[in-house]
Amino acid sequence: MTKKEKAIQLLERIPEEKMDYILGVLEGAAIPELNMENIAAFLAEDEEDEDMEALCNALEDVARAEFIAYKQK
C-alpha cells in the first residue's frame, strides 16, 4: 500500500469536525515551495496578467503573517 493510499484510508476515519484542520494541512502541503526560481517562472509566464498585483499583495500578506508568527515564538 502506498503512502497516498494509506492517507486516503485514514481520511475515512477522521470525524467531520476535525476536517478543517486536516484540509488546512493538506492544502499547505499541496502548495509548491516558493523560491526565486518558481516565482521568476510564474512572473515570466504571466507578465500581462491583470491579477499580478493581487498575487503580489497576497504574497506580501503571507510573508507578513509568517514574520509576525515567527516574532511571537
PDB file of N, CA and C in Angstrom:
ATOM      1  N   MET A   1       0.851  -1.178   0.000  1.00  0.00           N
ATOM      2  CA  MET A   1       0.000   0.000   0.000  1.00  0.00           C
ATOM      3  C   MET A   1       0.902   1.247   0.000  1.00  0.00           C
ATOM      4  N   THR A   2       0.591   2.184  -0.866  1.00  0.00           N
ATOM      5  CA  THR A   2       1.380   3.414  -0.928  1.00  0.00           C
ATOM      6  C   THR A   2       0.992   4.339   0.222  1.00  0.00           C
ATOM      7  N   LYS A   3       1.830   5.332   0.446  1.00  0.00           N
ATOM      8  CA  LYS A   3       1.529   6.316   1.493  1.00  0.00           C
ATOM      9  C   LYS A   3       0.250   7.083   1.169  1.00  0.00           C
ATOM     10  N   LYS A   4       0.046   7.358  -0.113  1.00  0.00           N
ATOM     11  CA  LYS A   4      -1.165   8.080  -0.514  1.00  0.00           C
ATOM     12  C   LYS A   4      -2.411   7.237  -0.247  1.00  0.00           C
ATOM     13  N   GLU A   5      -2.346   5.945  -0.539  1.00  0.00           N
ATOM     14  CA  GLU A   5      -3.475   5.049  -0.274  1.00  0.00           C
ATOM     15  C   GLU A   5      -3.757   4.957   1.223  1.00  0.00           C
ATOM     16  N   LYS A   6      -2.709   4.903   2.033  1.00  0.00           N
ATOM     17  CA  LYS A   6      -2.871   4.859   3.487  1.00  0.00           C
ATOM     18  C   LYS A   6      -3.536   6.146   3.979  1.00  0.00           C
ATOM     19  N   ALA A   7      -3.105   7.283   3.437  1.00  0.00           N
ATOM     20  CA  ALA A   7      -3.688   8.569   3.829  1.00  0.00           C
ATOM     21  C   ALA A   7      -5.170   8.616   3.472  1.00  0.00           C
ATOM     22  N   ILE A   8      -5.533   8.119   2.319  1.00  0.00           N
ATOM     23  CA  ILE A   8      -6.942   8.097   1.905  1.00  0.00           C
ATOM     24  C   ILE A   8      -7.754   7.225   2.850  1.00  0.00           C
ATOM     25  N   GLN A   9      -7.207   6.085   3.241  1.00  0.00           N
ATOM     26  CA  GLN A   9      -7.895   5.215   4.205  1.00  0.00           C
ATOM     27  C   GLN A   9      -8.102   5.938   5.529  1.00  0.00           C
ATOM     28  N   LEU A  10      -7.083   6.628   5.992  1.00  0.00           N
ATOM     29  CA  LEU A  10      -7.188   7.338   7.268  1.00  0.00           C
ATOM     30  C   LEU A  10      -8.209   8.466   7.200  1.00  0.00           C
ATOM     31  N   LEU A  11      -8.337   9.112   6.048  1.00  0.00           N
ATOM     32  CA  LEU A  11      -9.316  10.193   5.902  1.00  0.00           C
ATOM     33  C   LEU A  11     -10.735   9.706   6.174  1.00  0.00           C
ATOM     34  N   GLU A  12     -11.004   8.464   5.829  1.00  0.00           N
ATOM     35  CA  GLU A  12     -12.333   7.906   6.061  1.00  0.00           C
ATOM     36  C   GLU A  12     -12.650   7.790   7.548  1.00  0.00           C
ATOM     37  N   ARG A  13     -11.628   7.730   8.403  1.00  0.00           N
ATOM     38  CA  ARG A  13     -11.826   7.547   9.839  1.00  0.00           C
ATOM     39  C   ARG A  13     -11.835   8.859  10.612  1.00  0.00           C
ATOM     40  N   ILE A  14     -11.529   9.967   9.953  1.00  0.00           N
ATOM     41  CA  ILE A  14     -11.454  11.254  10.650  1.00  0.00           C
ATOM     42  C   ILE A  14     -12.845  11.859  10.767  1.00  0.00           C
ATOM     43  N   PRO A  15     -13.229  12.275  11.991  1.00  0.00           N
ATOM     44  CA  PRO A  15     -14.554  12.892  12.165  1.00  0.00           C
ATOM     45  C   PRO A  15     -14.651  14.218  11.410  1.00  0.00           C
ATOM     46  N   GLU A  16     -15.836  14.544  10.974  1.00  0.00           N
ATOM     47  CA  GLU A  16     -16.081  15.750  10.174  1.00  0.00           C
ATOM     48  C   GLU A  16     -15.621  17.014  10.889  1.00  0.00           C
ATOM     49  N   GLU A  17     -15.768  17.073  12.213  1.00  0.00           N
ATOM     50  CA  GLU A  17     -15.384  18.295  12.936  1.00  0.00           C
ATOM     51  C   GLU A  17     -13.871  18.541  12.944  1.00  0.00           C
ATOM     52  N   LYS A  18     -13.078  17.542  12.591  1.00  0.00           N
ATOM     53  CA  LYS A  18     -11.627  17.720  12.508  1.00  0.00           C
ATOM     54  C   LYS A  18     -11.151  17.941  11.075  1.00  0.00           C
ATOM     55  N   MET A  19     -12.049  17.922  10.116  1.00  0.00           N
ATOM     56  CA  MET A  19     -11.646  18.017   8.714  1.00  0.00           C
ATOM     57  C   MET A  19     -11.088  19.386   8.334  1.00  0.00           C
ATOM     58  N   ASP A  20     -11.516  20.469   8.998  1.00  0.00           N
ATOM     59  CA  ASP A  20     -10.955  21.783   8.672  1.00  0.00           C
ATOM     60  C   ASP A  20      -9.454  21.792   8.915  1.00  0.00           C
ATOM     61  N   TYR A  21      -9.039  21.224  10.034  1.00  0.00           N
ATOM     62  CA  TYR A  21      -7.616  21.148  10.344  1.00  0.00           C
ATOM     63  C   TYR A  21      -6.892  20.303   9.298  1.00  0.00           C
ATOM     64  N   ILE A  22      -7.453  19.142   8.988  1.00  0.00           N
ATOM     65  CA  ILE A  22      -6.831  18.222   8.031  1.00  0.00           C
ATOM     66  C   ILE A  22      -6.735  18.876   6.652  1.00  0.00           C
ATOM     67  N   LEU A  23      -7.795  19.556   6.235  1.00  0.00           N
ATOM     68  CA  LEU A  23      -7.777  20.221   4.933  1.00  0.00           C
ATOM     69  C   LEU A  23      -6.713  21.308   4.892  1.00  0.00           C
ATOM     70  N   GLY A  24      -6.555  22.038   5.992  1.00  0.00           N
ATOM     71  CA  GLY A  24      -5.521  23.065   6.047  1.00  0.00           C
ATOM     72  C   GLY A  24      -4.132  22.477   5.867  1.00  0.00           C
ATOM     73  N   VAL A  25      -3.884  21.360   6.526  1.00  0.00           N
ATOM     74  CA  VAL A  25      -2.583  20.699   6.398  1.00  0.00           C
ATOM     75  C   VAL A  25      -2.371  20.217   4.970  1.00  0.00           C
ATOM     76  N   LEU A  26      -3.400  19.589   4.397  1.00  0.00           N
ATOM     77  CA  LEU A  26      -3.279  19.072   3.031  1.00  0.00           C
ATOM     78  C   LEU A  26      -3.080  20.198   2.022  1.00  0.00           C
ATOM     79  N   GLU A  27      -3.830  21.276   2.184  1.00  0.00           N
ATOM     80  CA  GLU A  27      -3.678  22.399   1.261  1.00  0.00           C
ATOM     81  C   GLU A  27      -2.289  23.009   1.381  1.00  0.00           C
ATOM     82  N   GLY A  28      -1.789  23.114   2.604  1.00  0.00           N
ATOM     83  CA  GLY A  28      -0.439  23.641   2.795  1.00  0.00           C
ATOM     84  C   GLY A  28       0.614  22.761   2.155  1.00  0.00           C
ATOM     85  N   ALA A  29       0.432  21.457   2.261  1.00  0.00           N
ATOM     86  CA  ALA A  29       1.386  20.514   1.679  1.00  0.00           C
ATOM     87  C   ALA A  29       1.321  20.527   0.154  1.00  0.00           C
ATOM     88  N   ALA A  30       0.174  20.886  -0.397  1.00  0.00           N
ATOM     89  CA  ALA A  30      -0.008  20.865  -1.847  1.00  0.00           C
ATOM     90  C   ALA A  30       0.537  22.116  -2.527  1.00  0.00           C
ATOM     91  N   ILE A  31       0.846  23.150  -1.756  1.00  0.00           N
ATOM     92  CA  ILE A  31       1.375  24.384  -2.330  1.00  0.00           C
ATOM     93  C   ILE A  31       2.837  24.168  -2.682  1.00  0.00           C
ATOM     94  N   PRO A  32       3.230  24.470  -3.918  1.00  0.00           N
ATOM     95  CA  PRO A  32       4.640  24.291  -4.269  1.00  0.00           C
ATOM     96  C   PRO A  32       5.518  25.223  -3.437  1.00  0.00           C
ATOM     97  N   GLU A  33       6.727  24.790  -3.177  1.00  0.00           N
ATOM     98  CA  GLU A  33       7.651  25.593  -2.395  1.00  0.00           C
ATOM     99  C   GLU A  33       7.944  26.892  -3.134  1.00  0.00           C
ATOM    100  N   LEU A  34       7.838  27.992  -2.418  1.00  0.00           N
ATOM    101  CA  LEU A  34       8.120  29.287  -3.022  1.00  0.00           C
ATOM    102  C   LEU A  34       9.621  29.538  -2.962  1.00  0.00           C
ATOM    103  N   ASN A  35      10.211  29.688  -4.110  1.00  0.00           N
ATOM    104  CA  ASN A  35      11.609  30.098  -4.191  1.00  0.00           C
ATOM    105  C   ASN A  35      11.742  31.018  -5.392  1.00  0.00           C
ATOM    106  N   MET A  36      12.866  31.631  -5.518  1.00  0.00           N
ATOM    107  CA  MET A  36      13.041  32.633  -6.575  1.00  0.00           C
ATOM    108  C   MET A  36      12.852  32.040  -7.967  1.00  0.00           C
ATOM    109  N   GLU A  37      13.248  30.792  -8.157  1.00  0.00           N
ATOM    110  CA  GLU A  37      13.104  30.170  -9.469  1.00  0.00           C
ATOM    111  C   GLU A  37      11.627  29.992  -9.830  1.00  0.00           C
ATOM    112  N   ASN A  38      10.828  29.499  -8.875  1.00  0.00           N
ATOM    113  CA  ASN A  38       9.396  29.315  -9.125  1.00  0.00           C
ATOM    114  C   ASN A  38       8.696  30.645  -9.362  1.00  0.00           C
ATOM    115  N   ILE A  39       9.038  31.634  -8.555  1.00  0.00           N
ATOM    116  CA  ILE A  39       8.397  32.948  -8.689  1.00  0.00           C
ATOM    117  C   ILE A  39       8.787  33.581 -10.025  1.00  0.00           C
ATOM    118  N   ALA A  40      10.059  33.502 -10.393  1.00  0.00           N
ATOM    119  CA  ALA A  40      10.509  34.082 -11.662  1.00  0.00           C
ATOM    120  C   ALA A  40       9.816  33.414 -12.843  1.00  0.00           C
ATOM    121  N   ALA A  41       9.661  32.083 -12.787  1.00  0.00           N
ATOM    122  CA  ALA A  41       8.983  31.371 -13.871  1.00  0.00           C
ATOM    123  C   ALA A  41       7.526  31.802 -13.961  1.00  0.00           C
ATOM    124  N   PHE A  42       6.885  31.953 -12.816  1.00  0.00           N
ATOM    125  CA  PHE A  42       5.487  32.383 -12.808  1.00  0.00           C
ATOM    126  C   PHE A  42       5.357  33.787 -13.386  1.00  0.00           C
ATOM    127  N   LEU A  43       6.230  34.677 -12.964  1.00  0.00           N
ATOM    128  CA  LEU A  43       6.166  36.055 -13.445  1.00  0.00           C
ATOM    129  C   LEU A  43       6.441  36.132 -14.944  1.00  0.00           C
ATOM    130  N   ALA A  44       7.355  35.325 -15.443  1.00  0.00           N
ATOM    131  CA  ALA A  44       7.666  35.331 -16.869  1.00  0.00           C
ATOM    132  C   ALA A  44       6.474  34.880 -17.696  1.00  0.00           C
ATOM    133  N   GLU A  45       5.718  33.910 -17.185  1.00  0.00           N
ATOM    134  CA  GLU A  45       4.553  33.404 -17.911  1.00  0.00           C
ATOM    135  C   GLU A  45       3.400  34.394 -17.911  1.00  0.00           C
ATOM    136  N   ASP A  46       3.274  35.161 -16.836  1.00  0.00           N
ATOM    137  CA  ASP A  46       2.083  35.984 -16.640  1.00  0.00           C
ATOM    138  C   ASP A  46       2.379  37.472 -16.544  1.00  0.00           C
ATOM    139  N   GLU A  47       3.332  37.957 -17.347  1.00  0.00           N
ATOM    140  CA  GLU A  47       3.693  39.371 -17.267  1.00  0.00           C
ATOM    141  C   GLU A  47       2.518  40.294 -17.522  1.00  0.00           C
ATOM    142  N   GLU A  48       1.610  39.896 -18.372  1.00  0.00           N
ATOM    143  CA  GLU A  48       0.491  40.758 -18.729  1.00  0.00           C
ATOM    144  C   GLU A  48      -0.772  40.461 -17.912  1.00  0.00           C
ATOM    145  N   ASP A  49      -0.659  39.624 -16.919  1.00  0.00           N
ATOM    146  CA  ASP A  49      -1.818  39.206 -16.124  1.00  0.00           C
ATOM    147  C   ASP A  49      -2.335  40.354 -15.265  1.00  0.00           C
ATOM    148  N   GLU A  50      -3.628  40.620 -15.336  1.00  0.00           N
ATOM    149  CA  GLU A  50      -4.241  41.678 -14.544  1.00  0.00           C
ATOM    150  C   GLU A  50      -4.253  41.345 -13.054  1.00  0.00           C
ATOM    151  N   ASP A  51      -4.144  40.069 -12.717  1.00  0.00           N
ATOM    152  CA  ASP A  51      -4.192  39.649 -11.317  1.00  0.00           C
ATOM    153  C   ASP A  51      -2.817  39.662 -10.655  1.00  0.00           C
ATOM    154  N   MET A  52      -1.788  40.126 -11.357  1.00  0.00           N
ATOM    155  CA  MET A  52      -0.443  40.097 -10.806  1.00  0.00           C
ATOM    156  C   MET A  52      -0.346  40.929  -9.533  1.00  0.00           C
ATOM    157  N   GLU A  53      -0.976  42.080  -9.510  1.00  0.00           N
ATOM    158  CA  GLU A  53      -0.932  42.919  -8.314  1.00  0.00           C
ATOM    159  C   GLU A  53      -1.586  42.204  -7.139  1.00  0.00           C
ATOM    160  N   ALA A  54      -2.693  41.525  -7.401  1.00  0.00           N
ATOM    161  CA  ALA A  54      -3.362  40.771  -6.338  1.00  0.00           C
ATOM    162  C   ALA A  54      -2.462  39.653  -5.821  1.00  0.00           C
ATOM    163  N   LEU A  55      -1.751  38.991  -6.713  1.00  0.00           N
ATOM    164  CA  LEU A  55      -0.823  37.938  -6.304  1.00  0.00           C
ATOM    165  C   LEU A  55       0.289  38.512  -5.440  1.00  0.00           C
ATOM    166  N   CYS A  56       0.869  39.607  -5.875  1.00  0.00           N
ATOM    167  CA  CYS A  56       1.946  40.233  -5.103  1.00  0.00           C
ATOM    168  C   CYS A  56       1.453  40.646  -3.725  1.00  0.00           C
ATOM    169  N   ASN A  57       0.261  41.192  -3.659  1.00  0.00           N
ATOM    170  CA  ASN A  57      -0.309  41.577  -2.367  1.00  0.00           C
ATOM    171  C   ASN A  57      -0.526  40.356  -1.481  1.00  0.00           C
ATOM    172  N   ALA A  58      -0.999  39.263  -2.071  1.00  0.00           N
ATOM    173  CA  ALA A  58      -1.219  38.040  -1.299  1.00  0.00           C
ATOM    174  C   ALA A  58       0.102  37.488  -0.772  1.00  0.00           C
ATOM    175  N   LEU A  59       1.145  37.505  -1.601  1.00  0.00           N
ATOM    176  CA  LEU A  59       2.458  37.035  -1.161  1.00  0.00           C
ATOM    177  C   LEU A  59       3.010  37.913  -0.037  1.00  0.00           C
ATOM    178  N   GLU A  60       2.794  39.208  -0.140  1.00  0.00           N
ATOM    179  CA  GLU A  60       3.227  40.110   0.925  1.00  0.00           C
ATOM    180  C   GLU A  60       2.475  39.808   2.221  1.00  0.00           C
ATOM    181  N   ASP A  61       1.178  39.540   2.120  1.00  0.00           N
ATOM    182  CA  ASP A  61       0.383  39.209   3.302  1.00  0.00           C
ATOM    183  C   ASP A  61       0.872  37.930   3.962  1.00  0.00           C
ATOM    184  N   VAL A  62       1.188  36.927   3.135  1.00  0.00           N
ATOM    185  CA  VAL A  62       1.700  35.660   3.672  1.00  0.00           C
ATOM    186  C   VAL A  62       3.032  35.899   4.369  1.00  0.00           C
ATOM    187  N   ALA A  63       3.919  36.647   3.739  1.00  0.00           N
ATOM    188  CA  ALA A  63       5.224  36.926   4.332  1.00  0.00           C
ATOM    189  C   ALA A  63       5.069  37.701   5.639  1.00  0.00           C
ATOM    190  N   ARG A  64       4.166  38.660   5.658  1.00  0.00           N
ATOM    191  CA  ARG A  64       3.928  39.455   6.868  1.00  0.00           C
ATOM    192  C   ARG A  64       3.396  38.570   7.996  1.00  0.00           C
ATOM    193  N   ALA A  65       2.448  37.682   7.676  1.00  0.00           N
ATOM    194  CA  ALA A  65       1.887  36.784   8.680  1.00  0.00           C
ATOM    195  C   ALA A  65       2.948  35.825   9.217  1.00  0.00           C
ATOM    196  N   GLU A  66       3.805  35.311   8.334  1.00  0.00           N
ATOM    197  CA  GLU A  66       4.883  34.415   8.768  1.00  0.00           C
ATOM    198  C   GLU A  66       5.850  35.158   9.688  1.00  0.00           C
ATOM    199  N   PHE A  67       6.163  36.391   9.361  1.00  0.00           N
ATOM    200  CA  PHE A  67       7.079  37.176  10.184  1.00  0.00           C
ATOM    201  C   PHE A  67       6.481  37.425  11.563  1.00  0.00           C
ATOM    202  N   ILE A  68       5.214  37.779  11.612  1.00  0.00           N
ATOM    203  CA  ILE A  68       4.545  38.023  12.896  1.00  0.00           C
ATOM    204  C   ILE A  68       4.503  36.748  13.728  1.00  0.00           C
ATOM    205  N   ALA A  69       4.181  35.623  13.080  1.00  0.00           N
ATOM    206  CA  ALA A  69       4.137  34.341  13.798  1.00  0.00           C
ATOM    207  C   ALA A  69       5.516  33.977  14.326  1.00  0.00           C
ATOM    208  N   TYR A  70       6.561  34.246  13.550  1.00  0.00           N
ATOM    209  CA  TYR A  70       7.931  33.957  13.972  1.00  0.00           C
ATOM    210  C   TYR A  70       8.317  34.811  15.166  1.00  0.00           C
ATOM    211  N   LYS A  71       7.956  36.095  15.140  1.00  0.00           N
ATOM    212  CA  LYS A  71       8.295  37.007  16.230  1.00  0.00           C
ATOM    213  C   LYS A  71       7.611  36.607  17.522  1.00  0.00           C
ATOM    214  N   GLN A  72       6.416  36.011  17.442  1.00  0.00           N
ATOM    215  CA  GLN A  72       5.651  35.667  18.637  1.00  0.00           C
ATOM    216  C   GLN A  72       6.126  34.371  19.289  1.00  0.00           C
ATOM    217  N   LYS A  73       7.009  33.644  18.637  1.00  0.00           N
ATOM    218  CA  LYS A  73       7.509  32.382  19.205  1.00  0.00           C
ATOM    219  C   LYS A  73       8.482  32.626  20.318  1.00  0.00           C
TER     220      LYS A  73
END
